[in-house]
Amino acid sequence: MPAPGTSPLRAARRSPESHFRRLAAKVGETLRSSAGAKQGFLLVEAVLAAAVIALGLAVISRGLSGQLRALAALDAHEARLALARNGLLELERGIPDGQPGPAATGGAGAAPYEGYVWRVRAAQVEDLDEEAQPLSRVTVEAAPAGADRPITRLTAVWPEGMAPEEWAE
């Protein structure tokens, strides 16, 4: 029953139950609006995180492809170096007998060096003392077939008479 001089409507507004209901309604409304904002904020965070991850993966894949290219270039250099080394060893095999190996000026690489070519050049070493024995600089070059670059060179110094004339530069 309302207090004397108070309208029943005012009394209903001030009752503890109605006050609690209004407070609960406000809190619920606040929680609902806050949850919607949090969901929107989480969506922005998720999109931003996905963008950062995608950027990181792009950088990592670019670095990995660079590493793979470097590894392929290193493998090719090792193959050219082995071909040139084998060619020089083959040519030097006959030196103790007084005659170098075959006088070929170059050729295609045999297994496992298919796809590579080699050639031999010789030039007289200059700027020697007058008493020094004349020497030749023998160079074996290896390169991919059909390409001028990259070239791998191995050089040895031989007595001048050991390098055949066909090798002269």
Protein backbone atom coordinates (compact mmCIF):
# COMPACT_ATOMS: atom_id res chain seq x y z
CA MET A 1 0.00 0.00 0.00
CA PRO A 2 1.39 3.37 -0.95
CA ALA A 3 2.26 5.95 1.63
CA PRO A 4 -0.39 8.59 2.20
CA GLY A 5 -0.08 11.49 -0.24
CA THR A 6 1.87 9.43 -2.78
CA SER A 7 0.35 8.28 -5.99
CA PRO A 8 0.31 4.54 -6.60
CA LEU A 9 2.41 5.06 -9.73
CA ARG A 10 5.17 6.82 -7.85
CA ALA A 11 5.14 4.19 -5.20
CA ALA A 12 5.53 1.47 -7.83
CA ARG A 13 8.52 3.28 -9.28
CA ARG A 14 10.22 3.48 -5.91
CA SER A 15 9.59 -0.02 -4.78
CA PRO A 16 12.77 -2.10 -4.32
CA GLU A 17 11.58 -4.77 -6.72
CA SER A 18 10.98 -2.32 -9.54
CA HIS A 19 14.27 -0.59 -8.85
CA PHE A 20 16.04 -3.95 -9.04
CA ARG A 21 14.26 -4.78 -12.30
CA ARG A 22 15.25 -1.46 -13.86
CA LEU A 23 18.85 -1.93 -12.72
CA ALA A 24 18.97 -5.47 -14.08
CA ALA A 25 17.53 -4.28 -17.39
CA LYS A 26 20.17 -1.55 -17.66
CA VAL A 27 22.98 -3.97 -16.79
CA GLY A 28 21.68 -6.50 -19.32
CA GLU A 29 21.47 -3.83 -21.99
CA THR A 30 24.99 -2.68 -21.22
CA LEU A 31 26.29 -6.25 -21.34
CA ARG A 32 24.54 -6.92 -24.63
CA SER A 33 25.92 -3.79 -26.27
CA SER A 34 29.35 -4.48 -24.81
CA ALA A 35 29.32 -8.05 -26.14
CA GLY A 36 28.51 -6.80 -29.64
CA ALA A 37 31.38 -4.32 -29.46
CA LYS A 38 33.71 -7.05 -28.20
CA GLN A 39 32.69 -9.32 -31.06
CA GLY A 40 33.44 -6.55 -33.54
CA PHE A 41 36.76 -5.86 -31.84
CA LEU A 42 37.65 -9.56 -31.96
CA LEU A 43 36.87 -9.62 -35.67
CA VAL A 44 39.24 -6.71 -36.29
CA GLU A 45 41.92 -8.45 -34.21
CA ALA A 46 41.46 -11.67 -36.18
CA VAL A 47 41.70 -9.91 -39.55
CA LEU A 48 44.78 -8.00 -38.43
CA ALA A 49 46.42 -11.18 -37.11
CA ALA A 50 45.70 -12.97 -40.40
CA ALA A 51 47.27 -10.08 -42.34
CA VAL A 52 50.39 -10.15 -40.15
CA ILE A 53 50.70 -13.92 -40.56
CA ALA A 54 50.26 -13.66 -44.34
CA LEU A 55 52.94 -10.97 -44.53
CA GLY A 56 55.29 -13.09 -42.42
CA LEU A 57 54.72 -16.13 -44.63
CA ALA A 58 55.38 -14.06 -47.75
CA VAL A 59 58.70 -12.85 -46.33
CA ILE A 60 59.67 -16.37 -45.27
CA SER A 61 58.80 -17.85 -48.67
CA ARG A 62 60.80 -15.15 -50.47
CA GLY A 63 63.79 -15.87 -48.25
CA LEU A 64 63.41 -19.59 -48.83
CA SER A 65 63.29 -19.17 -52.60
CA GLY A 66 66.44 -17.04 -52.42
CA GLN A 67 68.16 -19.75 -50.40
CA LEU A 68 67.13 -22.39 -52.97
CA ARG A 69 68.51 -20.27 -55.84
CA ALA A 70 71.77 -19.82 -53.96
CA LEU A 71 71.97 -23.56 -53.34
CA ALA A 72 71.38 -24.29 -57.04
CA ALA A 73 74.11 -21.79 -58.00
CA LEU A 74 76.48 -23.43 -55.52
CA ASP A 75 75.73 -26.89 -56.94
CA ALA A 76 76.39 -25.62 -60.48
CA HIS A 77 79.68 -24.03 -59.37
CA GLU A 78 80.74 -27.28 -57.69
CA ALA A 79 79.99 -29.22 -60.90
CA ARG A 80 82.01 -26.75 -63.02
CA LEU A 81 84.87 -26.84 -60.53
CA ALA A 82 84.94 -30.65 -60.51
CA LEU A 83 84.88 -30.76 -64.34
CA ALA A 84 87.77 -28.26 -64.58
CA ARG A 85 89.72 -30.11 -61.87
CA ASN A 86 89.25 -33.47 -63.62
CA GLY A 87 90.29 -31.93 -66.95
CA LEU A 88 93.44 -30.42 -65.44
CA LEU A 89 94.33 -33.69 -63.71
CA GLU A 90 93.84 -35.57 -66.97
CA LEU A 91 96.15 -33.14 -68.76
CA GLU A 92 98.79 -33.32 -66.00
CA ARG A 93 98.79 -37.11 -65.93
CA GLY A 94 101.34 -37.38 -68.73
CA ILE A 95 103.74 -34.66 -67.52
CA PRO A 96 106.12 -37.04 -65.65
CA ASP A 97 106.63 -38.90 -68.96
CA GLY A 98 107.42 -35.64 -70.71
CA GLN A 99 104.15 -35.42 -72.62
CA PRO A 100 100.91 -33.94 -71.28
CA GLY A 101 97.61 -35.70 -71.78
CA PRO A 102 95.63 -35.36 -75.00
CA ALA A 103 96.09 -32.09 -76.85
CA ALA A 104 92.34 -31.45 -77.03
CA THR A 105 91.42 -27.81 -76.69
CA GLY A 106 88.05 -28.52 -75.11
CA GLY A 107 84.91 -30.55 -75.24
CA ALA A 108 81.64 -31.49 -73.61
CA GLY A 109 81.53 -32.84 -70.10
CA ALA A 110 80.91 -36.56 -69.70
CA ALA A 111 78.67 -38.07 -67.03
CA PRO A 112 77.93 -36.68 -64.46
CA TYR A 113 78.83 -33.30 -66.03
CA GLU A 114 76.44 -33.31 -68.97
CA GLY A 115 75.33 -29.81 -69.81
CA TYR A 116 78.79 -28.33 -69.25
CA VAL A 117 81.70 -27.66 -71.62
CA TRP A 118 85.39 -27.18 -70.96
CA ARG A 119 88.32 -25.70 -72.84
CA VAL A 120 92.06 -25.34 -72.32
CA ARG A 121 94.20 -22.26 -72.92
CA ALA A 122 97.89 -21.62 -72.41
CA ALA A 123 99.89 -18.42 -72.36
CA GLN A 124 103.52 -17.68 -71.67
CA VAL A 125 104.25 -16.32 -68.19
CA GLU A 126 105.86 -12.93 -68.61
CA ASP A 127 108.02 -10.83 -66.30
CA LEU A 128 110.38 -13.66 -65.33
CA ASP A 129 114.04 -13.25 -64.55
CA GLU A 130 116.39 -13.88 -67.46
CA GLU A 131 117.80 -16.97 -65.74
CA ALA A 132 114.36 -18.44 -64.98
CA GLN A 133 113.00 -21.32 -66.98
CA PRO A 134 110.28 -20.21 -69.41
CA LEU A 135 106.84 -21.11 -68.07
CA SER A 136 103.31 -21.38 -69.45
CA ARG A 137 100.12 -20.60 -67.59
CA VAL A 138 97.65 -23.37 -68.44
CA THR A 139 94.01 -22.55 -67.73
CA VAL A 140 91.10 -24.98 -67.83
CA GLU A 141 87.70 -23.28 -68.04
CA ALA A 142 84.33 -24.92 -67.42
CA ALA A 143 80.97 -23.32 -68.21
CA PRO A 144 77.37 -24.32 -68.89
CA ALA A 145 76.87 -25.48 -72.48
CA GLY A 146 75.64 -22.66 -74.70
CA ALA A 147 76.42 -19.92 -72.18
CA ASP A 148 79.43 -17.70 -71.71
CA ARG A 149 78.77 -17.09 -68.03
CA PRO A 150 79.37 -18.22 -65.35
CA ILE A 151 82.84 -19.60 -65.97
CA THR A 152 84.99 -21.48 -63.49
CA ARG A 153 88.73 -21.34 -64.14
CA LEU A 154 91.59 -23.43 -62.78
CA THR A 155 95.14 -22.38 -63.58
CA ALA A 156 98.41 -24.25 -63.29
CA VAL A 157 101.97 -23.28 -64.24
CA TRP A 158 103.83 -25.70 -66.51
CA PRO A 159 107.24 -25.65 -68.15
CA GLU A 160 106.81 -23.88 -71.47
CA GLY A 161 107.50 -26.86 -73.71
CA MET A 162 104.79 -28.97 -72.06
CA ALA A 163 101.80 -26.96 -73.33
CA PRO A 164 100.87 -27.90 -76.90
CA GLU A 165 100.63 -25.12 -79.51
CA GLU A 166 96.89 -25.78 -79.90
CA TRP A 167 96.34 -24.34 -76.42
CA ALA A 168 97.93 -20.96 -77.16
CA GLU A 169 95.63 -17.99 -76.59
